[in-house]
Amino acid sequence: MLNMGLENNSDTFAIILRPALYEDKQAGDDYLNKTPAVILRVTPKESLKLDPYSYPKLRVRGTGTTEFDLMDDLEQLRDVILNKYGGLKAKELPVSQVVPVGSDAIQRGIDGIIPDNDACYLWSANQTVSSPTPSFPNLSLYYDFLRNPPITLGNDTNEFIIVYGVNHVATGKAIYQNFGIFGADVFNGVGAITDLDFNGSADEYLPDNPNAKYLYVYKVARNCNGDPHCFEVPTGQGLRHIS
């Protein structure tokens, strides 16, 4: 399962920390700007007998309660969104799970990118990265939706994307939720909107529906025109760490 070494067939390791929602914003900024970490590669002078860690005991996934009762409300929300922007041409994107559960990927020997058991990652595509392909992250070489994406946010200030769904934190199914915007060329992260931003965003669309508090609607645009539930994506070189 673990193939350490410096050869071409050795495993590549990644440890990712994704802190969010800092109680002290200044402390968070200081942490990101002065990352307190040092990485050392230690090689024993002589071969040692392996003494691997045992697999940890996992927490039970799920609560036994589904969100199926919100399906009609979600469909109603979709209809209201389409009606509100009825004068425009709308294109709905497919949504699929990016990678399988980490332990499942390890057992099946498939690409899980960074095996993770405590999150569900979705993206606007119709295939997973564990499909038979070259190694990650040269996605544009073999994923047609990245070479010819079904939709990208153009530079037209009147163009926008609507993201809507269930706020899983509000329903008690999750402790954190977000969606992110990525650059189409190099898959660079542009920004993220969290469940704190979701609160109250569906009320405008479903003012008389008590389940609106469990849903969200968020816009991604070049120009938000003061919309409080909108993420504004800037244009031009030098933005979002792209030169």
C-alpha atoms as a PDB file:
ATOM      1  CA  MET A   1       0.000   0.000   0.000  1.00  0.00           C
ATOM      2  CA  LEU A   2       2.876   2.367   0.775  1.00  0.00           C
ATOM      3  CA  ASN A   3       5.814   2.631  -1.620  1.00  0.00           C
ATOM      4  CA  MET A   4       8.349   5.098  -0.254  1.00  0.00           C
ATOM      5  CA  GLY A   5      11.533   6.010  -2.056  1.00  0.00           C
ATOM      6  CA  LEU A   6      13.043   8.220  -4.746  1.00  0.00           C
ATOM      7  CA  GLU A   7      12.490   5.998  -7.763  1.00  0.00           C
ATOM      8  CA  ASN A   8      10.121   6.801 -10.614  1.00  0.00           C
ATOM      9  CA  ASN A   9       7.573   4.316  -9.300  1.00  0.00           C
ATOM     10  CA  SER A  10       7.655   5.609  -5.723  1.00  0.00           C
ATOM     11  CA  ASP A  11       4.530   7.116  -4.239  1.00  0.00           C
ATOM     12  CA  THR A  12       4.007  10.848  -4.027  1.00  0.00           C
ATOM     13  CA  PHE A  13       2.720  12.115  -0.702  1.00  0.00           C
ATOM     14  CA  ALA A  14       0.628  15.166   0.061  1.00  0.00           C
ATOM     15  CA  ILE A  15      -0.562  16.546   3.367  1.00  0.00           C
ATOM     16  CA  ILE A  16      -3.174  19.230   2.891  1.00  0.00           C
ATOM     17  CA  LEU A  17      -4.531  21.589   5.526  1.00  0.00           C
ATOM     18  CA  ARG A  18      -7.623  23.551   4.574  1.00  0.00           C
ATOM     19  CA  PRO A  19      -8.413  25.918   7.448  1.00  0.00           C
ATOM     20  CA  ALA A  20     -11.431  28.164   7.046  1.00  0.00           C
ATOM     21  CA  LEU A  21     -13.722  30.496   9.006  1.00  0.00           C
ATOM     22  CA  TYR A  22     -11.105  31.901  11.365  1.00  0.00           C
ATOM     23  CA  GLU A  23     -12.473  33.363  14.592  1.00  0.00           C
ATOM     24  CA  ASP A  24      -9.514  35.767  14.522  1.00  0.00           C
ATOM     25  CA  LYS A  25      -9.095  36.963  10.925  1.00  0.00           C
ATOM     26  CA  GLN A  26      -5.725  38.595  11.594  1.00  0.00           C
ATOM     27  CA  ALA A  27      -4.397  35.385  13.136  1.00  0.00           C
ATOM     28  CA  GLY A  28      -5.660  33.495  10.091  1.00  0.00           C
ATOM     29  CA  ASP A  29      -3.982  35.898   7.675  1.00  0.00           C
ATOM     30  CA  ASP A  30      -0.730  35.670   9.660  1.00  0.00           C
ATOM     31  CA  TYR A  31      -0.872  31.876   9.491  1.00  0.00           C
ATOM     32  CA  LEU A  32      -1.381  31.854   5.729  1.00  0.00           C
ATOM     33  CA  ASN A  33       1.303  34.466   5.065  1.00  0.00           C
ATOM     34  CA  LYS A  34       3.885  32.862   7.386  1.00  0.00           C
ATOM     35  CA  THR A  35       3.168  29.155   7.203  1.00  0.00           C
ATOM     36  CA  PRO A  36       4.646  27.621  10.394  1.00  0.00           C
ATOM     37  CA  ALA A  37       5.855  24.361   8.878  1.00  0.00           C
ATOM     38  CA  VAL A  38       9.146  22.674   8.043  1.00  0.00           C
ATOM     39  CA  ILE A  39       9.412  19.481   6.001  1.00  0.00           C
ATOM     40  CA  LEU A  40      12.358  17.149   6.560  1.00  0.00           C
ATOM     41  CA  ARG A  41      13.163  13.935   4.717  1.00  0.00           C
ATOM     42  CA  VAL A  42      14.789  11.476   7.098  1.00  0.00           C
ATOM     43  CA  THR A  43      16.585   8.400   5.726  1.00  0.00           C
ATOM     44  CA  PRO A  44      17.768   5.671   8.155  1.00  0.00           C
ATOM     45  CA  LYS A  45      21.430   4.742   7.849  1.00  0.00           C
ATOM     46  CA  GLU A  46      20.484   1.073   7.846  1.00  0.00           C
ATOM     47  CA  SER A  47      17.378  -0.899   6.944  1.00  0.00           C
ATOM     48  CA  LEU A  48      14.809  -1.254   9.693  1.00  0.00           C
ATOM     49  CA  LYS A  49      11.996  -3.711  10.237  1.00  0.00           C
ATOM     50  CA  LEU A  50       8.679  -2.191   9.265  1.00  0.00           C
ATOM     51  CA  ASP A  51       6.334  -1.459  12.141  1.00  0.00           C
ATOM     52  CA  PRO A  52       3.301   0.081  10.380  1.00  0.00           C
ATOM     53  CA  TYR A  53       0.450   1.861  12.097  1.00  0.00           C
ATOM     54  CA  SER A  54      -2.782  -0.098  12.281  1.00  0.00           C
ATOM     55  CA  TYR A  55      -5.782   1.268  10.386  1.00  0.00           C
ATOM     56  CA  PRO A  56      -7.660   3.678  12.680  1.00  0.00           C
ATOM     57  CA  LYS A  57     -11.197   2.999  13.814  1.00  0.00           C
ATOM     58  CA  LEU A  58     -13.533   5.086  11.673  1.00  0.00           C
ATOM     59  CA  ARG A  59     -16.526   7.045  12.828  1.00  0.00           C
ATOM     60  CA  VAL A  60     -19.875   5.902  11.493  1.00  0.00           C
ATOM     61  CA  ARG A  61     -20.847   7.957   8.454  1.00  0.00           C
ATOM     62  CA  GLY A  62     -24.303   9.458   8.218  1.00  0.00           C
ATOM     63  CA  THR A  63     -27.069  10.185  10.688  1.00  0.00           C
ATOM     64  CA  GLY A  64     -29.715   7.758   9.475  1.00  0.00           C
ATOM     65  CA  THR A  65     -31.820  10.700   8.291  1.00  0.00           C
ATOM     66  CA  THR A  66     -32.017  11.722   4.636  1.00  0.00           C
ATOM     67  CA  GLU A  67     -32.829  14.997   2.895  1.00  0.00           C
ATOM     68  CA  PHE A  68     -35.286  13.392   0.483  1.00  0.00           C
ATOM     69  CA  ASP A  69     -38.115  15.449   1.953  1.00  0.00           C
ATOM     70  CA  LEU A  70     -36.477  18.562   0.443  1.00  0.00           C
ATOM     71  CA  MET A  71     -36.576  17.276  -3.146  1.00  0.00           C
ATOM     72  CA  ASP A  72     -39.878  19.019  -3.973  1.00  0.00           C
ATOM     73  CA  ASP A  73     -38.610  22.257  -2.427  1.00  0.00           C
ATOM     74  CA  LEU A  74     -35.396  22.014  -4.420  1.00  0.00           C
ATOM     75  CA  GLU A  75     -37.344  21.459  -7.632  1.00  0.00           C
ATOM     76  CA  GLN A  76     -39.527  24.450  -6.803  1.00  0.00           C
ATOM     77  CA  LEU A  77     -36.406  26.543  -6.226  1.00  0.00           C
ATOM     78  CA  ARG A  78     -35.006  25.473  -9.608  1.00  0.00           C
ATOM     79  CA  ASP A  79     -38.234  26.521 -11.345  1.00  0.00           C
ATOM     80  CA  VAL A  80     -38.258  29.917  -9.632  1.00  0.00           C
ATOM     81  CA  ILE A  81     -34.629  30.576 -10.619  1.00  0.00           C
ATOM     82  CA  LEU A  82     -35.295  29.689 -14.261  1.00  0.00           C
ATOM     83  CA  ASN A  83     -38.447  31.836 -14.292  1.00  0.00           C
ATOM     84  CA  LYS A  84     -36.636  34.801 -12.762  1.00  0.00           C
ATOM     85  CA  TYR A  85     -34.065  34.737 -15.539  1.00  0.00           C
ATOM     86  CA  GLY A  86     -36.480  33.498 -18.196  1.00  0.00           C
ATOM     87  CA  GLY A  87     -35.280  36.062 -20.708  1.00  0.00           C
ATOM     88  CA  LEU A  88     -31.809  34.512 -20.753  1.00  0.00           C
ATOM     89  CA  LYS A  89     -30.508  31.221 -22.117  1.00  0.00           C
ATOM     90  CA  ALA A  90     -29.689  28.826 -19.266  1.00  0.00           C
ATOM     91  CA  LYS A  91     -27.429  25.767 -19.413  1.00  0.00           C
ATOM     92  CA  GLU A  92     -27.534  23.225 -16.582  1.00  0.00           C
ATOM     93  CA  LEU A  93     -24.277  21.478 -15.728  1.00  0.00           C
ATOM     94  CA  PRO A  94     -23.914  17.820 -14.734  1.00  0.00           C
ATOM     95  CA  VAL A  95     -22.692  17.217 -11.193  1.00  0.00           C
ATOM     96  CA  SER A  96     -20.766  14.153 -10.084  1.00  0.00           C
ATOM     97  CA  GLN A  97     -18.490  12.990  -7.296  1.00  0.00           C
ATOM     98  CA  VAL A  98     -14.869  13.908  -8.031  1.00  0.00           C
ATOM     99  CA  VAL A  99     -13.220  11.087  -6.120  1.00  0.00           C
ATOM    100  CA  PRO A 100     -14.498   8.078  -4.176  1.00  0.00           C
ATOM    101  CA  VAL A 101     -14.218   7.762  -0.410  1.00  0.00           C
ATOM    102  CA  GLY A 102     -10.529   7.519   0.496  1.00  0.00           C
ATOM    103  CA  SER A 103     -10.546   4.040   2.029  1.00  0.00           C
ATOM    104  CA  ASP A 104     -12.542   2.752  -0.952  1.00  0.00           C
ATOM    105  CA  ALA A 105      -9.975   4.161  -3.402  1.00  0.00           C
ATOM    106  CA  ILE A 106      -7.091   2.606  -1.479  1.00  0.00           C
ATOM    107  CA  GLN A 107      -8.736  -0.813  -1.337  1.00  0.00           C
ATOM    108  CA  ARG A 108      -9.570  -0.778  -5.054  1.00  0.00           C
ATOM    109  CA  GLY A 109      -6.203   0.642  -6.092  1.00  0.00           C
ATOM    110  CA  ILE A 110      -7.682   3.576  -7.976  1.00  0.00           C
ATOM    111  CA  ASP A 111      -6.699   7.230  -8.072  1.00  0.00           C
ATOM    112  CA  GLY A 112      -8.221   8.973  -5.067  1.00  0.00           C
ATOM    113  CA  ILE A 113      -5.894  11.989  -5.493  1.00  0.00           C
ATOM    114  CA  ILE A 114      -5.724  12.619  -1.747  1.00  0.00           C
ATOM    115  CA  PRO A 115      -7.689   9.829  -0.002  1.00  0.00           C
ATOM    116  CA  ASP A 116     -10.202  11.424   2.319  1.00  0.00           C
ATOM    117  CA  ASN A 117     -12.929   9.802   4.397  1.00  0.00           C
ATOM    118  CA  ASP A 118     -14.625  12.832   5.920  1.00  0.00           C
ATOM    119  CA  ALA A 119     -15.792  14.853   2.920  1.00  0.00           C
ATOM    120  CA  CYS A 120     -17.743  14.492  -0.296  1.00  0.00           C
ATOM    121  CA  TYR A 121     -16.218  16.372  -3.214  1.00  0.00           C
ATOM    122  CA  LEU A 122     -18.422  17.218  -6.185  1.00  0.00           C
ATOM    123  CA  TRP A 123     -17.695  19.038  -9.427  1.00  0.00           C
ATOM    124  CA  SER A 124     -19.524  20.141 -12.537  1.00  0.00           C
ATOM    125  CA  ALA A 125     -18.513  17.159 -14.669  1.00  0.00           C
ATOM    126  CA  ASN A 126     -19.884  13.754 -15.526  1.00  0.00           C
ATOM    127  CA  GLN A 127     -16.889  11.561 -14.697  1.00  0.00           C
ATOM    128  CA  THR A 128     -14.507  10.949 -11.787  1.00  0.00           C
ATOM    129  CA  VAL A 129     -10.745  11.339 -11.702  1.00  0.00           C
ATOM    130  CA  SER A 130     -10.434   7.590 -11.067  1.00  0.00           C
ATOM    131  CA  SER A 131     -11.384   6.913 -14.685  1.00  0.00           C
ATOM    132  CA  PRO A 132      -8.561   5.172 -16.641  1.00  0.00           C
ATOM    133  CA  THR A 133      -6.394   8.173 -17.453  1.00  0.00           C
ATOM    134  CA  PRO A 134      -2.840   9.498 -17.077  1.00  0.00           C
ATOM    135  CA  SER A 135      -1.791  10.767 -13.671  1.00  0.00           C
ATOM    136  CA  PHE A 136      -3.404  13.765 -11.986  1.00  0.00           C
ATOM    137  CA  PRO A 137      -3.306  16.762 -12.372  1.00  0.00           C
ATOM    138  CA  ASN A 138      -2.857  16.966 -16.175  1.00  0.00           C
ATOM    139  CA  LEU A 139      -6.620  17.035 -16.444  1.00  0.00           C
ATOM    140  CA  SER A 140      -6.874  19.030 -19.653  1.00  0.00           C
ATOM    141  CA  LEU A 141      -5.045  16.279 -21.549  1.00  0.00           C
ATOM    142  CA  TYR A 142      -7.875  13.826 -21.258  1.00  0.00           C
ATOM    143  CA  TYR A 143     -10.976  15.425 -19.779  1.00  0.00           C
ATOM    144  CA  ASP A 144     -12.959  16.865 -22.638  1.00  0.00           C
ATOM    145  CA  PHE A 145     -14.968  19.124 -20.348  1.00  0.00           C
ATOM    146  CA  LEU A 146     -11.752  20.924 -19.417  1.00  0.00           C
ATOM    147  CA  ARG A 147     -10.553  21.248 -23.008  1.00  0.00           C
ATOM    148  CA  ASN A 148     -14.040  22.273 -24.088  1.00  0.00           C
ATOM    149  CA  PRO A 149     -15.841  23.099 -20.835  1.00  0.00           C
ATOM    150  CA  PRO A 150     -19.640  23.207 -21.016  1.00  0.00           C
ATOM    151  CA  ILE A 151     -19.543  26.670 -19.555  1.00  0.00           C
ATOM    152  CA  THR A 152     -17.013  29.231 -18.369  1.00  0.00           C
ATOM    153  CA  LEU A 153     -17.588  32.694 -16.990  1.00  0.00           C
ATOM    154  CA  GLY A 154     -16.753  35.099 -19.790  1.00  0.00           C
ATOM    155  CA  ASN A 155     -15.666  38.702 -19.471  1.00  0.00           C
ATOM    156  CA  ASP A 156     -19.167  39.962 -20.242  1.00  0.00           C
ATOM    157  CA  THR A 157     -20.355  41.821 -17.144  1.00  0.00           C
ATOM    158  CA  ASN A 158     -23.901  40.625 -17.828  1.00  0.00           C
ATOM    159  CA  GLU A 159     -22.938  36.936 -17.708  1.00  0.00           C
ATOM    160  CA  PHE A 160     -23.257  34.962 -14.484  1.00  0.00           C
ATOM    161  CA  ILE A 161     -23.547  31.491 -12.948  1.00  0.00           C
ATOM    162  CA  ILE A 162     -26.154  30.413 -10.394  1.00  0.00           C
ATOM    163  CA  VAL A 163     -25.289  27.726  -7.851  1.00  0.00           C
ATOM    164  CA  TYR A 164     -28.147  26.345  -5.760  1.00  0.00           C
ATOM    165  CA  GLY A 165     -28.780  23.357  -3.546  1.00  0.00           C
ATOM    166  CA  VAL A 166     -29.291  22.086  -0.015  1.00  0.00           C
ATOM    167  CA  ASN A 167     -27.427  23.685   2.874  1.00  0.00           C
ATOM    168  CA  HIS A 168     -26.270  20.473   4.540  1.00  0.00           C
ATOM    169  CA  VAL A 169     -25.043  22.338   7.598  1.00  0.00           C
ATOM    170  CA  ALA A 170     -28.528  23.766   8.158  1.00  0.00           C
ATOM    171  CA  THR A 171     -30.059  20.270   7.925  1.00  0.00           C
ATOM    172  CA  GLY A 172     -27.514  18.847  10.362  1.00  0.00           C
ATOM    173  CA  LYS A 173     -25.857  16.551   7.811  1.00  0.00           C
ATOM    174  CA  ALA A 174     -22.512  18.380   7.780  1.00  0.00           C
ATOM    175  CA  ILE A 175     -20.416  20.710   9.909  1.00  0.00           C
ATOM    176  CA  TYR A 176     -18.968  22.614   6.956  1.00  0.00           C
ATOM    177  CA  GLN A 177     -19.926  23.134   3.314  1.00  0.00           C
ATOM    178  CA  ASN A 178     -18.662  25.272   0.488  1.00  0.00           C
ATOM    179  CA  PHE A 179     -18.383  25.553  -3.257  1.00  0.00           C
ATOM    180  CA  GLY A 180     -15.361  26.897  -5.089  1.00  0.00           C
ATOM    181  CA  ILE A 181     -14.580  28.605  -8.372  1.00  0.00           C
ATOM    182  CA  PHE A 182     -11.559  27.463 -10.383  1.00  0.00           C
ATOM    183  CA  GLY A 183      -9.720  28.762 -13.398  1.00  0.00           C
ATOM    184  CA  ALA A 184     -10.371  26.709 -16.544  1.00  0.00           C
ATOM    185  CA  ASP A 185      -6.790  26.746 -17.856  1.00  0.00           C
ATOM    186  CA  VAL A 186      -4.652  25.684 -14.881  1.00  0.00           C
ATOM    187  CA  PHE A 187      -7.309  24.700 -12.349  1.00  0.00           C
ATOM    188  CA  ASN A 188      -6.274  27.511 -10.015  1.00  0.00           C
ATOM    189  CA  GLY A 189      -8.485  28.283  -7.056  1.00  0.00           C
ATOM    190  CA  VAL A 190     -10.249  31.635  -7.410  1.00  0.00           C
ATOM    191  CA  GLY A 191     -12.496  31.735  -4.358  1.00  0.00           C
ATOM    192  CA  ALA A 192     -14.895  29.833  -2.128  1.00  0.00           C
ATOM    193  CA  ILE A 193     -18.323  30.502  -0.636  1.00  0.00           C
ATOM    194  CA  THR A 194     -19.152  28.746   2.631  1.00  0.00           C
ATOM    195  CA  ASP A 195     -22.327  27.674   4.392  1.00  0.00           C
ATOM    196  CA  LEU A 196     -22.224  30.879   6.442  1.00  0.00           C
ATOM    197  CA  ASP A 197     -22.773  32.772   3.196  1.00  0.00           C
ATOM    198  CA  PHE A 198     -25.670  30.458   2.270  1.00  0.00           C
ATOM    199  CA  ASN A 199     -27.872  31.522   5.179  1.00  0.00           C
ATOM    200  CA  GLY A 200     -31.000  33.333   4.002  1.00  0.00           C
ATOM    201  CA  SER A 201     -29.968  33.295   0.340  1.00  0.00           C
ATOM    202  CA  ALA A 202     -33.022  31.275  -0.798  1.00  0.00           C
ATOM    203  CA  ASP A 203     -35.596  33.437   1.019  1.00  0.00           C
ATOM    204  CA  GLU A 204     -35.881  35.832  -1.915  1.00  0.00           C
ATOM    205  CA  TYR A 205     -36.847  32.970  -4.228  1.00  0.00           C
ATOM    206  CA  LEU A 206     -39.130  31.040  -1.832  1.00  0.00           C
ATOM    207  CA  PRO A 207     -40.501  33.698   0.543  1.00  0.00           C
ATOM    208  CA  ASP A 208     -43.481  31.589   1.647  1.00  0.00           C
ATOM    209  CA  ASN A 209     -41.689  28.257   1.941  1.00  0.00           C
ATOM    210  CA  PRO A 210     -40.572  27.374   5.492  1.00  0.00           C
ATOM    211  CA  ASN A 211     -37.950  25.005   4.076  1.00  0.00           C
ATOM    212  CA  ALA A 212     -36.158  27.847   2.302  1.00  0.00           C
ATOM    213  CA  LYS A 213     -33.837  28.024   5.325  1.00  0.00           C
ATOM    214  CA  TYR A 214     -32.437  24.628   4.309  1.00  0.00           C
ATOM    215  CA  LEU A 215     -31.620  25.746   0.763  1.00  0.00           C
ATOM    216  CA  TYR A 216     -29.282  28.250  -0.832  1.00  0.00           C
ATOM    217  CA  VAL A 217     -28.891  30.224  -4.042  1.00  0.00           C
ATOM    218  CA  TYR A 218     -25.655  31.989  -4.898  1.00  0.00           C
ATOM    219  CA  LYS A 219     -24.550  33.924  -7.953  1.00  0.00           C
ATOM    220  CA  VAL A 220     -21.053  34.037  -9.457  1.00  0.00           C
ATOM    221  CA  ALA A 221     -20.537  37.038 -11.723  1.00  0.00           C
ATOM    222  CA  ARG A 222     -18.072  39.575 -13.066  1.00  0.00           C
ATOM    223  CA  ASN A 223     -20.219  42.354 -11.679  1.00  0.00           C
ATOM    224  CA  CYS A 224     -22.440  41.681  -8.663  1.00  0.00           C
ATOM    225  CA  ASN A 225     -24.074  45.128  -8.659  1.00  0.00           C
ATOM    226  CA  GLY A 226     -24.366  45.067  -4.873  1.00  0.00           C
ATOM    227  CA  ASP A 227     -26.082  41.664  -4.668  1.00  0.00           C
ATOM    228  CA  PRO A 228     -25.242  40.352  -1.153  1.00  0.00           C
ATOM    229  CA  HIS A 229     -25.463  36.733  -2.294  1.00  0.00           C
ATOM    230  CA  CYS A 230     -22.994  37.026  -5.153  1.00  0.00           C
ATOM    231  CA  PHE A 231     -19.299  36.269  -5.558  1.00  0.00           C
ATOM    232  CA  GLU A 232     -17.585  38.740  -7.860  1.00  0.00           C
ATOM    233  CA  VAL A 233     -14.837  37.288 -10.064  1.00  0.00           C
ATOM    234  CA  PRO A 234     -12.306  39.892 -11.231  1.00  0.00           C
ATOM    235  CA  THR A 235     -10.673  39.954 -14.660  1.00  0.00           C
ATOM    236  CA  GLY A 236      -7.175  40.650 -15.907  1.00  0.00           C
ATOM    237  CA  GLN A 237      -3.658  39.308 -15.404  1.00  0.00           C
ATOM    238  CA  GLY A 238      -2.048  39.303 -11.988  1.00  0.00           C
ATOM    239  CA  LEU A 239      -5.307  38.455 -10.241  1.00  0.00           C
ATOM    240  CA  ARG A 240      -5.768  35.358  -8.101  1.00  0.00           C
ATOM    241  CA  HIS A 241      -2.014  34.616  -8.315  1.00  0.00           C
ATOM    242  CA  ILE A 242      -2.039  34.189 -12.112  1.00  0.00           C
ATOM    243  CA  SER A 243       0.473  36.224 -14.119  1.00  0.00           C
END
